[in-house]
Amino acid sequence: MSKEDKLTPEQEKELIMLSAEIEAEAIAMRVDYEKHPSEESGSIVYVNELSTLLEDEDVKLGDKALVSSSQILAKELKKQKKKKGDK
């Protein structure tokens, strides 16, 4: 490894901070998923850098964008169950 390939102490510190932040976010995400399992298991959502979804982290994905056809089916099933309960 050449001298140019090595990180400076400042870069090493920043790398440690970033990795700790990423790990903390991953742990928080796992805990949140355990408390609130996803109805869209296996769904894939594509978001690019221009997406309005990136403007507000508190907005639920299903409220702002259509996640997948499974989400449509889940909403339709809920409507049908509700209608059957009303009769």
PDB file of N, CA and C in Angstrom:
ATOM      1  N   MET A   1       0.840  -1.180   0.000  1.00  0.00           N
ATOM      2  CA  MET A   1       0.000   0.000   0.000  1.00  0.00           C
ATOM      3  C   MET A   1       0.887   1.247   0.000  1.00  0.00           C
ATOM      4  N   SER A   2       0.608   2.145  -0.887  1.00  0.00           N
ATOM      5  CA  SER A   2       1.414   3.359  -0.948  1.00  0.00           C
ATOM      6  C   SER A   2       0.898   4.382   0.057  1.00  0.00           C
ATOM      7  N   LYS A   3       1.696   5.410   0.281  1.00  0.00           N
ATOM      8  CA  LYS A   3       1.328   6.462   1.228  1.00  0.00           C
ATOM      9  C   LYS A   3       0.043   7.170   0.791  1.00  0.00           C
ATOM     10  N   GLU A   4      -0.164   7.270  -0.518  1.00  0.00           N
ATOM     11  CA  GLU A   4      -1.349   7.938  -1.053  1.00  0.00           C
ATOM     12  C   GLU A   4      -2.627   7.143  -0.774  1.00  0.00           C
ATOM     13  N   ASP A   5      -2.506   5.816  -0.618  1.00  0.00           N
ATOM     14  CA  ASP A   5      -3.669   4.963  -0.393  1.00  0.00           C
ATOM     15  C   ASP A   5      -4.148   4.975   1.053  1.00  0.00           C
ATOM     16  N   LYS A   6      -3.326   5.432   1.970  1.00  0.00           N
ATOM     17  CA  LYS A   6      -3.682   5.409   3.385  1.00  0.00           C
ATOM     18  C   LYS A   6      -4.528   6.627   3.746  1.00  0.00           C
ATOM     19  N   LEU A   7      -5.406   6.406   4.721  1.00  0.00           N
ATOM     20  CA  LEU A   7      -6.259   7.495   5.197  1.00  0.00           C
ATOM     21  C   LEU A   7      -5.516   8.342   6.218  1.00  0.00           C
ATOM     22  N   THR A   8      -5.835   9.612   6.217  1.00  0.00           N
ATOM     23  CA  THR A   8      -5.283  10.499   7.237  1.00  0.00           C
ATOM     24  C   THR A   8      -6.035  10.225   8.540  1.00  0.00           C
ATOM     25  N   PRO A   9      -5.479  10.623   9.682  1.00  0.00           N
ATOM     26  CA  PRO A   9      -6.203  10.435  10.951  1.00  0.00           C
ATOM     27  C   PRO A   9      -7.587  11.085  10.930  1.00  0.00           C
ATOM     28  N   GLU A  10      -7.688  12.226  10.278  1.00  0.00           N
ATOM     29  CA  GLU A  10      -8.974  12.916  10.163  1.00  0.00           C
ATOM     30  C   GLU A  10      -9.966  12.087   9.340  1.00  0.00           C
ATOM     31  N   GLN A  11      -9.493  11.498   8.242  1.00  0.00           N
ATOM     32  CA  GLN A  11     -10.343  10.660   7.404  1.00  0.00           C
ATOM     33  C   GLN A  11     -10.763   9.391   8.147  1.00  0.00           C
ATOM     34  N   GLU A  12      -9.841   8.807   8.909  1.00  0.00           N
ATOM     35  CA  GLU A  12     -10.165   7.612   9.690  1.00  0.00           C
ATOM     36  C   GLU A  12     -11.254   7.920  10.716  1.00  0.00           C
ATOM     37  N   LYS A  13     -11.131   9.068  11.368  1.00  0.00           N
ATOM     38  CA  LYS A  13     -12.127   9.476  12.361  1.00  0.00           C
ATOM     39  C   LYS A  13     -13.491   9.651  11.695  1.00  0.00           C
ATOM     40  N   GLU A  14     -13.509  10.301  10.536  1.00  0.00           N
ATOM     41  CA  GLU A  14     -14.756  10.507   9.807  1.00  0.00           C
ATOM     42  C   GLU A  14     -15.357   9.169   9.371  1.00  0.00           C
ATOM     43  N   LEU A  15     -14.518   8.253   8.928  1.00  0.00           N
ATOM     44  CA  LEU A  15     -14.989   6.937   8.513  1.00  0.00           C
ATOM     45  C   LEU A  15     -15.609   6.177   9.686  1.00  0.00           C
ATOM     46  N   ILE A  16     -14.988   6.257  10.841  1.00  0.00           N
ATOM     47  CA  ILE A  16     -15.521   5.607  12.041  1.00  0.00           C
ATOM     48  C   ILE A  16     -16.871   6.214  12.416  1.00  0.00           C
ATOM     49  N   MET A  17     -16.973   7.535  12.348  1.00  0.00           N
ATOM     50  CA  MET A  17     -18.232   8.216  12.675  1.00  0.00           C
ATOM     51  C   MET A  17     -19.343   7.805  11.696  1.00  0.00           C
ATOM     52  N   LEU A  18     -19.008   7.766  10.409  1.00  0.00           N
ATOM     53  CA  LEU A  18     -19.998   7.386   9.404  1.00  0.00           C
ATOM     54  C   LEU A  18     -20.452   5.943   9.580  1.00  0.00           C
ATOM     55  N   SER A  19     -19.510   5.048   9.841  1.00  0.00           N
ATOM     56  CA  SER A  19     -19.883   3.643  10.009  1.00  0.00           C
ATOM     57  C   SER A  19     -20.737   3.454  11.260  1.00  0.00           C
ATOM     58  N   ALA A  20     -20.450   4.194  12.321  1.00  0.00           N
ATOM     59  CA  ALA A  20     -21.267   4.117  13.539  1.00  0.00           C
ATOM     60  C   ALA A  20     -22.677   4.641  13.271  1.00  0.00           C
ATOM     61  N   GLU A  21     -22.775   5.712  12.505  1.00  0.00           N
ATOM     62  CA  GLU A  21     -24.079   6.282  12.169  1.00  0.00           C
ATOM     63  C   GLU A  21     -24.892   5.309  11.313  1.00  0.00           C
ATOM     64  N   ILE A  22     -24.241   4.676  10.346  1.00  0.00           N
ATOM     65  CA  ILE A  22     -24.919   3.701   9.488  1.00  0.00           C
ATOM     66  C   ILE A  22     -25.394   2.506  10.313  1.00  0.00           C
ATOM     67  N   GLU A  23     -24.535   2.034  11.211  1.00  0.00           N
ATOM     68  CA  GLU A  23     -24.905   0.896  12.062  1.00  0.00           C
ATOM     69  C   GLU A  23     -26.084   1.253  12.970  1.00  0.00           C
ATOM     70  N   ALA A  24     -26.066   2.446  13.547  1.00  0.00           N
ATOM     71  CA  ALA A  24     -27.161   2.886  14.419  1.00  0.00           C
ATOM     72  C   ALA A  24     -28.472   2.971  13.635  1.00  0.00           C
ATOM     73  N   GLU A  25     -28.410   3.471  12.421  1.00  0.00           N
ATOM     74  CA  GLU A  25     -29.604   3.572  11.580  1.00  0.00           C
ATOM     75  C   GLU A  25     -30.130   2.183  11.223  1.00  0.00           C
ATOM     76  N   ALA A  26     -29.233   1.254  10.937  1.00  0.00           N
ATOM     77  CA  ALA A  26     -29.641  -0.119  10.620  1.00  0.00           C
ATOM     78  C   ALA A  26     -30.314  -0.782  11.819  1.00  0.00           C
ATOM     79  N   ILE A  27     -29.772  -0.569  12.999  1.00  0.00           N
ATOM     80  CA  ILE A  27     -30.363  -1.133  14.215  1.00  0.00           C
ATOM     81  C   ILE A  27     -31.744  -0.530  14.454  1.00  0.00           C
ATOM     82  N   ALA A  28     -31.856   0.782  14.301  1.00  0.00           N
ATOM     83  CA  ALA A  28     -33.147   1.452  14.487  1.00  0.00           C
ATOM     84  C   ALA A  28     -34.175   0.941  13.475  1.00  0.00           C
ATOM     85  N   MET A  29     -33.741   0.715  12.250  1.00  0.00           N
ATOM     86  CA  MET A  29     -34.634   0.218  11.210  1.00  0.00           C
ATOM     87  C   MET A  29     -35.118  -1.197  11.554  1.00  0.00           C
ATOM     88  N   ARG A  30     -34.216  -2.017  12.044  1.00  0.00           N
ATOM     89  CA  ARG A  30     -34.586  -3.388  12.415  1.00  0.00           C
ATOM     90  C   ARG A  30     -35.586  -3.379  13.574  1.00  0.00           C
ATOM     91  N   VAL A  31     -35.332  -2.569  14.585  1.00  0.00           N
ATOM     92  CA  VAL A  31     -36.237  -2.477  15.734  1.00  0.00           C
ATOM     93  C   VAL A  31     -37.610  -1.985  15.276  1.00  0.00           C
ATOM     94  N   ASP A  32     -37.628  -0.978  14.409  1.00  0.00           N
ATOM     95  CA  ASP A  32     -38.887  -0.454  13.892  1.00  0.00           C
ATOM     96  C   ASP A  32     -39.641  -1.525  13.112  1.00  0.00           C
ATOM     97  N   TYR A  33     -38.920  -2.298  12.303  1.00  0.00           N
ATOM     98  CA  TYR A  33     -39.569  -3.356  11.523  1.00  0.00           C
ATOM     99  C   TYR A  33     -40.145  -4.432  12.440  1.00  0.00           C
ATOM    100  N   GLU A  34     -39.436  -4.753  13.529  1.00  0.00           N
ATOM    101  CA  GLU A  34     -39.937  -5.752  14.468  1.00  0.00           C
ATOM    102  C   GLU A  34     -41.216  -5.268  15.148  1.00  0.00           C
ATOM    103  N   LYS A  35     -41.312  -3.969  15.411  1.00  0.00           N
ATOM    104  CA  LYS A  35     -42.506  -3.401  16.039  1.00  0.00           C
ATOM    105  C   LYS A  35     -43.637  -3.209  15.031  1.00  0.00           C
ATOM    106  N   HIS A  36     -43.288  -2.863  13.793  1.00  0.00           N
ATOM    107  CA  HIS A  36     -44.274  -2.558  12.751  1.00  0.00           C
ATOM    108  C   HIS A  36     -43.896  -3.302  11.468  1.00  0.00           C
ATOM    109  N   PRO A  37     -44.212  -4.596  11.378  1.00  0.00           N
ATOM    110  CA  PRO A  37     -43.841  -5.359  10.168  1.00  0.00           C
ATOM    111  C   PRO A  37     -44.461  -4.755   8.912  1.00  0.00           C
ATOM    112  N   SER A  38     -43.760  -4.861   7.833  1.00  0.00           N
ATOM    113  CA  SER A  38     -44.196  -4.292   6.567  1.00  0.00           C
ATOM    114  C   SER A  38     -45.275  -5.148   5.920  1.00  0.00           C
ATOM    115  N   GLU A  39     -46.274  -4.500   5.359  1.00  0.00           N
ATOM    116  CA  GLU A  39     -47.287  -5.210   4.583  1.00  0.00           C
ATOM    117  C   GLU A  39     -46.794  -5.437   3.160  1.00  0.00           C
ATOM    118  N   GLU A  40     -45.789  -4.716   2.751  1.00  0.00           N
ATOM    119  CA  GLU A  40     -45.267  -4.813   1.396  1.00  0.00           C
ATOM    120  C   GLU A  40     -43.996  -5.657   1.364  1.00  0.00           C
ATOM    121  N   SER A  41     -43.999  -6.768   2.046  1.00  0.00           N
ATOM    122  CA  SER A  41     -42.816  -7.619   2.112  1.00  0.00           C
ATOM    123  C   SER A  41     -42.377  -8.014   0.707  1.00  0.00           C
ATOM    124  N   GLY A  42     -41.134  -7.795   0.410  1.00  0.00           N
ATOM    125  CA  GLY A  42     -40.595  -8.152  -0.890  1.00  0.00           C
ATOM    126  C   GLY A  42     -40.782  -7.087  -1.952  1.00  0.00           C
ATOM    127  N   SER A  43     -41.436  -5.998  -1.620  1.00  0.00           N
ATOM    128  CA  SER A  43     -41.648  -4.937  -2.592  1.00  0.00           C
ATOM    129  C   SER A  43     -40.355  -4.183  -2.852  1.00  0.00           C
ATOM    130  N   ILE A  44     -40.253  -3.668  -4.041  1.00  0.00           N
ATOM    131  CA  ILE A  44     -39.090  -2.867  -4.413  1.00  0.00           C
ATOM    132  C   ILE A  44     -39.584  -1.478  -4.781  1.00  0.00           C
ATOM    133  N   VAL A  45     -38.951  -0.480  -4.217  1.00  0.00           N
ATOM    134  CA  VAL A  45     -39.317   0.898  -4.508  1.00  0.00           C
ATOM    135  C   VAL A  45     -38.094   1.593  -5.081  1.00  0.00           C
ATOM    136  N   TYR A  46     -38.252   2.190  -6.244  1.00  0.00           N
ATOM    137  CA  TYR A  46     -37.153   2.909  -6.867  1.00  0.00           C
ATOM    138  C   TYR A  46     -37.339   4.405  -6.625  1.00  0.00           C
ATOM    139  N   VAL A  47     -36.314   5.030  -6.084  1.00  0.00           N
ATOM    140  CA  VAL A  47     -36.350   6.459  -5.800  1.00  0.00           C
ATOM    141  C   VAL A  47     -35.066   7.063  -6.346  1.00  0.00           C
ATOM    142  N   ASN A  48     -35.203   8.094  -7.177  1.00  0.00           N
ATOM    143  CA  ASN A  48     -33.990   8.751  -7.664  1.00  0.00           C
ATOM    144  C   ASN A  48     -33.743  10.039  -6.892  1.00  0.00           C
ATOM    145  N   GLU A  49     -32.656  10.688  -7.195  1.00  0.00           N
ATOM    146  CA  GLU A  49     -32.242  11.869  -6.433  1.00  0.00           C
ATOM    147  C   GLU A  49     -33.183  13.062  -6.592  1.00  0.00           C
ATOM    148  N   LEU A  50     -34.091  13.022  -7.548  1.00  0.00           N
ATOM    149  CA  LEU A  50     -35.027  14.123  -7.765  1.00  0.00           C
ATOM    150  C   LEU A  50     -36.399  13.844  -7.152  1.00  0.00           C
ATOM    151  N   SER A  51     -36.565  12.709  -6.518  1.00  0.00           N
ATOM    152  CA  SER A  51     -37.858  12.302  -5.978  1.00  0.00           C
ATOM    153  C   SER A  51     -38.321  13.221  -4.854  1.00  0.00           C
ATOM    154  N   THR A  52     -39.613  13.513  -4.848  1.00  0.00           N
ATOM    155  CA  THR A  52     -40.193  14.309  -3.758  1.00  0.00           C
ATOM    156  C   THR A  52     -40.235  13.506  -2.463  1.00  0.00           C
ATOM    157  N   LEU A  53     -40.074  12.193  -2.545  1.00  0.00           N
ATOM    158  CA  LEU A  53     -40.045  11.360  -1.339  1.00  0.00           C
ATOM    159  C   LEU A  53     -38.858  11.706  -0.451  1.00  0.00           C
ATOM    160  N   LEU A  54     -37.831  12.302  -1.010  1.00  0.00           N
ATOM    161  CA  LEU A  54     -36.643  12.647  -0.243  1.00  0.00           C
ATOM    162  C   LEU A  54     -36.795  13.964   0.518  1.00  0.00           C
ATOM    163  N   GLU A  55     -37.859  14.695   0.249  1.00  0.00           N
ATOM    164  CA  GLU A  55     -38.045  15.998   0.886  1.00  0.00           C
ATOM    165  C   GLU A  55     -38.495  15.891   2.340  1.00  0.00           C
ATOM    166  N   ASP A  56     -39.280  14.865   2.663  1.00  0.00           N
ATOM    167  CA  ASP A  56     -39.824  14.732   4.019  1.00  0.00           C
ATOM    168  C   ASP A  56     -39.742  13.276   4.461  1.00  0.00           C
ATOM    169  N   GLU A  57     -38.896  12.999   5.439  1.00  0.00           N
ATOM    170  CA  GLU A  57     -38.691  11.629   5.904  1.00  0.00           C
ATOM    171  C   GLU A  57     -39.881  11.096   6.691  1.00  0.00           C
ATOM    172  N   ASP A  58     -40.784  11.972   7.153  1.00  0.00           N
ATOM    173  CA  ASP A  58     -41.916  11.540   7.961  1.00  0.00           C
ATOM    174  C   ASP A  58     -43.103  11.059   7.131  1.00  0.00           C
ATOM    175  N   VAL A  59     -43.094  11.323   5.830  1.00  0.00           N
ATOM    176  CA  VAL A  59     -44.192  10.908   4.968  1.00  0.00           C
ATOM    177  C   VAL A  59     -44.098   9.403   4.741  1.00  0.00           C
ATOM    178  N   LYS A  60     -45.234   8.715   4.944  1.00  0.00           N
ATOM    179  CA  LYS A  60     -45.258   7.276   4.689  1.00  0.00           C
ATOM    180  C   LYS A  60     -45.235   7.053   3.186  1.00  0.00           C
ATOM    181  N   LEU A  61     -44.495   6.070   2.769  1.00  0.00           N
ATOM    182  CA  LEU A  61     -44.327   5.805   1.348  1.00  0.00           C
ATOM    183  C   LEU A  61     -45.661   5.538   0.663  1.00  0.00           C
ATOM    184  N   GLY A  62     -46.521   4.764   1.286  1.00  0.00           N
ATOM    185  CA  GLY A  62     -47.815   4.436   0.696  1.00  0.00           C
ATOM    186  C   GLY A  62     -48.738   5.634   0.548  1.00  0.00           C
ATOM    187  N   ASP A  63     -48.526   6.685   1.346  1.00  0.00           N
ATOM    188  CA  ASP A  63     -49.338   7.891   1.243  1.00  0.00           C
ATOM    189  C   ASP A  63     -48.880   8.771   0.084  1.00  0.00           C
ATOM    190  N   LYS A  64     -47.622   8.667  -0.286  1.00  0.00           N
ATOM    191  CA  LYS A  64     -47.031   9.555  -1.276  1.00  0.00           C
ATOM    192  C   LYS A  64     -46.901   8.892  -2.647  1.00  0.00           C
ATOM    193  N   ALA A  65     -46.654   7.581  -2.665  1.00  0.00           N
ATOM    194  CA  ALA A  65     -46.411   6.893  -3.927  1.00  0.00           C
ATOM    195  C   ALA A  65     -46.965   5.480  -3.851  1.00  0.00           C
ATOM    196  N   LEU A  66     -47.257   4.932  -4.989  1.00  0.00           N
ATOM    197  CA  LEU A  66     -47.724   3.562  -5.053  1.00  0.00           C
ATOM    198  C   LEU A  66     -46.524   2.640  -4.942  1.00  0.00           C
ATOM    199  N   VAL A  67     -46.528   1.787  -3.943  1.00  0.00           N
ATOM    200  CA  VAL A  67     -45.379   0.921  -3.699  1.00  0.00           C
ATOM    201  C   VAL A  67     -45.361  -0.225  -4.688  1.00  0.00           C
ATOM    202  N   SER A  68     -46.448  -0.938  -4.826  1.00  0.00           N
ATOM    203  CA  SER A  68     -46.481  -2.078  -5.738  1.00  0.00           C
ATOM    204  C   SER A  68     -47.912  -2.539  -5.922  1.00  0.00           C
ATOM    205  N   SER A  69     -48.093  -3.496  -6.820  1.00  0.00           N
ATOM    206  CA  SER A  69     -49.428  -4.036  -7.034  1.00  0.00           C
ATOM    207  C   SER A  69     -49.934  -4.740  -5.787  1.00  0.00           C
ATOM    208  N   SER A  70     -49.038  -5.264  -4.959  1.00  0.00           N
ATOM    209  CA  SER A  70     -49.478  -5.920  -3.724  1.00  0.00           C
ATOM    210  C   SER A  70     -50.138  -4.912  -2.788  1.00  0.00           C
ATOM    211  N   GLN A  71     -49.707  -3.660  -2.852  1.00  0.00           N
ATOM    212  CA  GLN A  71     -50.330  -2.627  -2.028  1.00  0.00           C
ATOM    213  C   GLN A  71     -51.753  -2.356  -2.517  1.00  0.00           C
ATOM    214  N   ILE A  72     -51.950  -2.331  -3.810  1.00  0.00           N
ATOM    215  CA  ILE A  72     -53.290  -2.134  -4.371  1.00  0.00           C
ATOM    216  C   ILE A  72     -54.200  -3.271  -3.917  1.00  0.00           C
ATOM    217  N   LEU A  73     -53.696  -4.497  -4.012  1.00  0.00           N
ATOM    218  CA  LEU A  73     -54.487  -5.656  -3.605  1.00  0.00           C
ATOM    219  C   LEU A  73     -54.831  -5.609  -2.121  1.00  0.00           C
ATOM    220  N   ALA A  74     -53.878  -5.239  -1.291  1.00  0.00           N
ATOM    221  CA  ALA A  74     -54.116  -5.163   0.154  1.00  0.00           C
ATOM    222  C   ALA A  74     -55.198  -4.135   0.465  1.00  0.00           C
ATOM    223  N   LYS A  75     -55.144  -2.967  -0.186  1.00  0.00           N
ATOM    224  CA  LYS A  75     -56.159  -1.936   0.039  1.00  0.00           C
ATOM    225  C   LYS A  75     -57.532  -2.405  -0.441  1.00  0.00           C
ATOM    226  N   GLU A  76     -57.561  -3.086  -1.587  1.00  0.00           N
ATOM    227  CA  GLU A  76     -58.827  -3.580  -2.124  1.00  0.00           C
ATOM    228  C   GLU A  76     -59.433  -4.640  -1.207  1.00  0.00           C
ATOM    229  N   LEU A  77     -58.614  -5.530  -0.675  1.00  0.00           N
ATOM    230  CA  LEU A  77     -59.105  -6.554   0.250  1.00  0.00           C
ATOM    231  C   LEU A  77     -59.683  -5.925   1.513  1.00  0.00           C
ATOM    232  N   LYS A  78     -59.023  -4.884   2.019  1.00  0.00           N
ATOM    233  CA  LYS A  78     -59.538  -4.190   3.197  1.00  0.00           C
ATOM    234  C   LYS A  78     -60.906  -3.572   2.909  1.00  0.00           C
ATOM    235  N   LYS A  79     -61.054  -2.974   1.712  1.00  0.00           N
ATOM    236  CA  LYS A  79     -62.337  -2.380   1.331  1.00  0.00           C
ATOM    237  C   LYS A  79     -63.427  -3.443   1.273  1.00  0.00           C
ATOM    238  N   GLN A  80     -63.092  -4.596   0.657  1.00  0.00           N
ATOM    239  CA  GLN A  80     -64.075  -5.672   0.522  1.00  0.00           C
ATOM    240  C   GLN A  80     -64.479  -6.224   1.885  1.00  0.00           C
ATOM    241  N   LYS A  81     -63.513  -6.398   2.780  1.00  0.00           N
ATOM    242  CA  LYS A  81     -63.819  -6.896   4.121  1.00  0.00           C
ATOM    243  C   LYS A  81     -64.708  -5.908   4.865  1.00  0.00           C
ATOM    244  N   LYS A  82     -64.428  -4.620   4.680  1.00  0.00           N
ATOM    245  CA  LYS A  82     -65.216  -3.580   5.340  1.00  0.00           C
ATOM    246  C   LYS A  82     -66.658  -3.598   4.821  1.00  0.00           C
ATOM    247  N   LYS A  83     -66.822  -3.764   3.492  1.00  0.00           N
ATOM    248  CA  LYS A  83     -68.160  -3.818   2.901  1.00  0.00           C
ATOM    249  C   LYS A  83     -68.929  -5.030   3.412  1.00  0.00           C
ATOM    250  N   LYS A  84     -68.264  -6.173   3.526  1.00  0.00           N
ATOM    251  CA  LYS A  84     -68.922  -7.381   4.027  1.00  0.00           C
ATOM    252  C   LYS A  84     -69.337  -7.205   5.478  1.00  0.00           C
ATOM    253  N   GLY A  85     -68.547  -6.489   6.241  1.00  0.00           N
ATOM    254  CA  GLY A  85     -68.865  -6.235   7.645  1.00  0.00           C
ATOM    255  C   GLY A  85     -70.042  -5.294   7.811  1.00  0.00           C
ATOM    256  N   ASP A  86     -70.257  -4.405   6.831  1.00  0.00           N
ATOM    257  CA  ASP A  86     -71.365  -3.443   6.886  1.00  0.00           C
ATOM    258  C   ASP A  86     -72.707  -4.098   6.583  1.00  0.00           C
ATOM    259  N   LYS A  87     -72.699  -5.198   5.830  1.00  0.00           N
ATOM    260  CA  LYS A  87     -73.952  -5.846   5.413  1.00  0.00           C
ATOM    261  C   LYS A  87     -74.562  -6.643   6.522  1.00  0.00           C
TER     262      LYS A  87
END
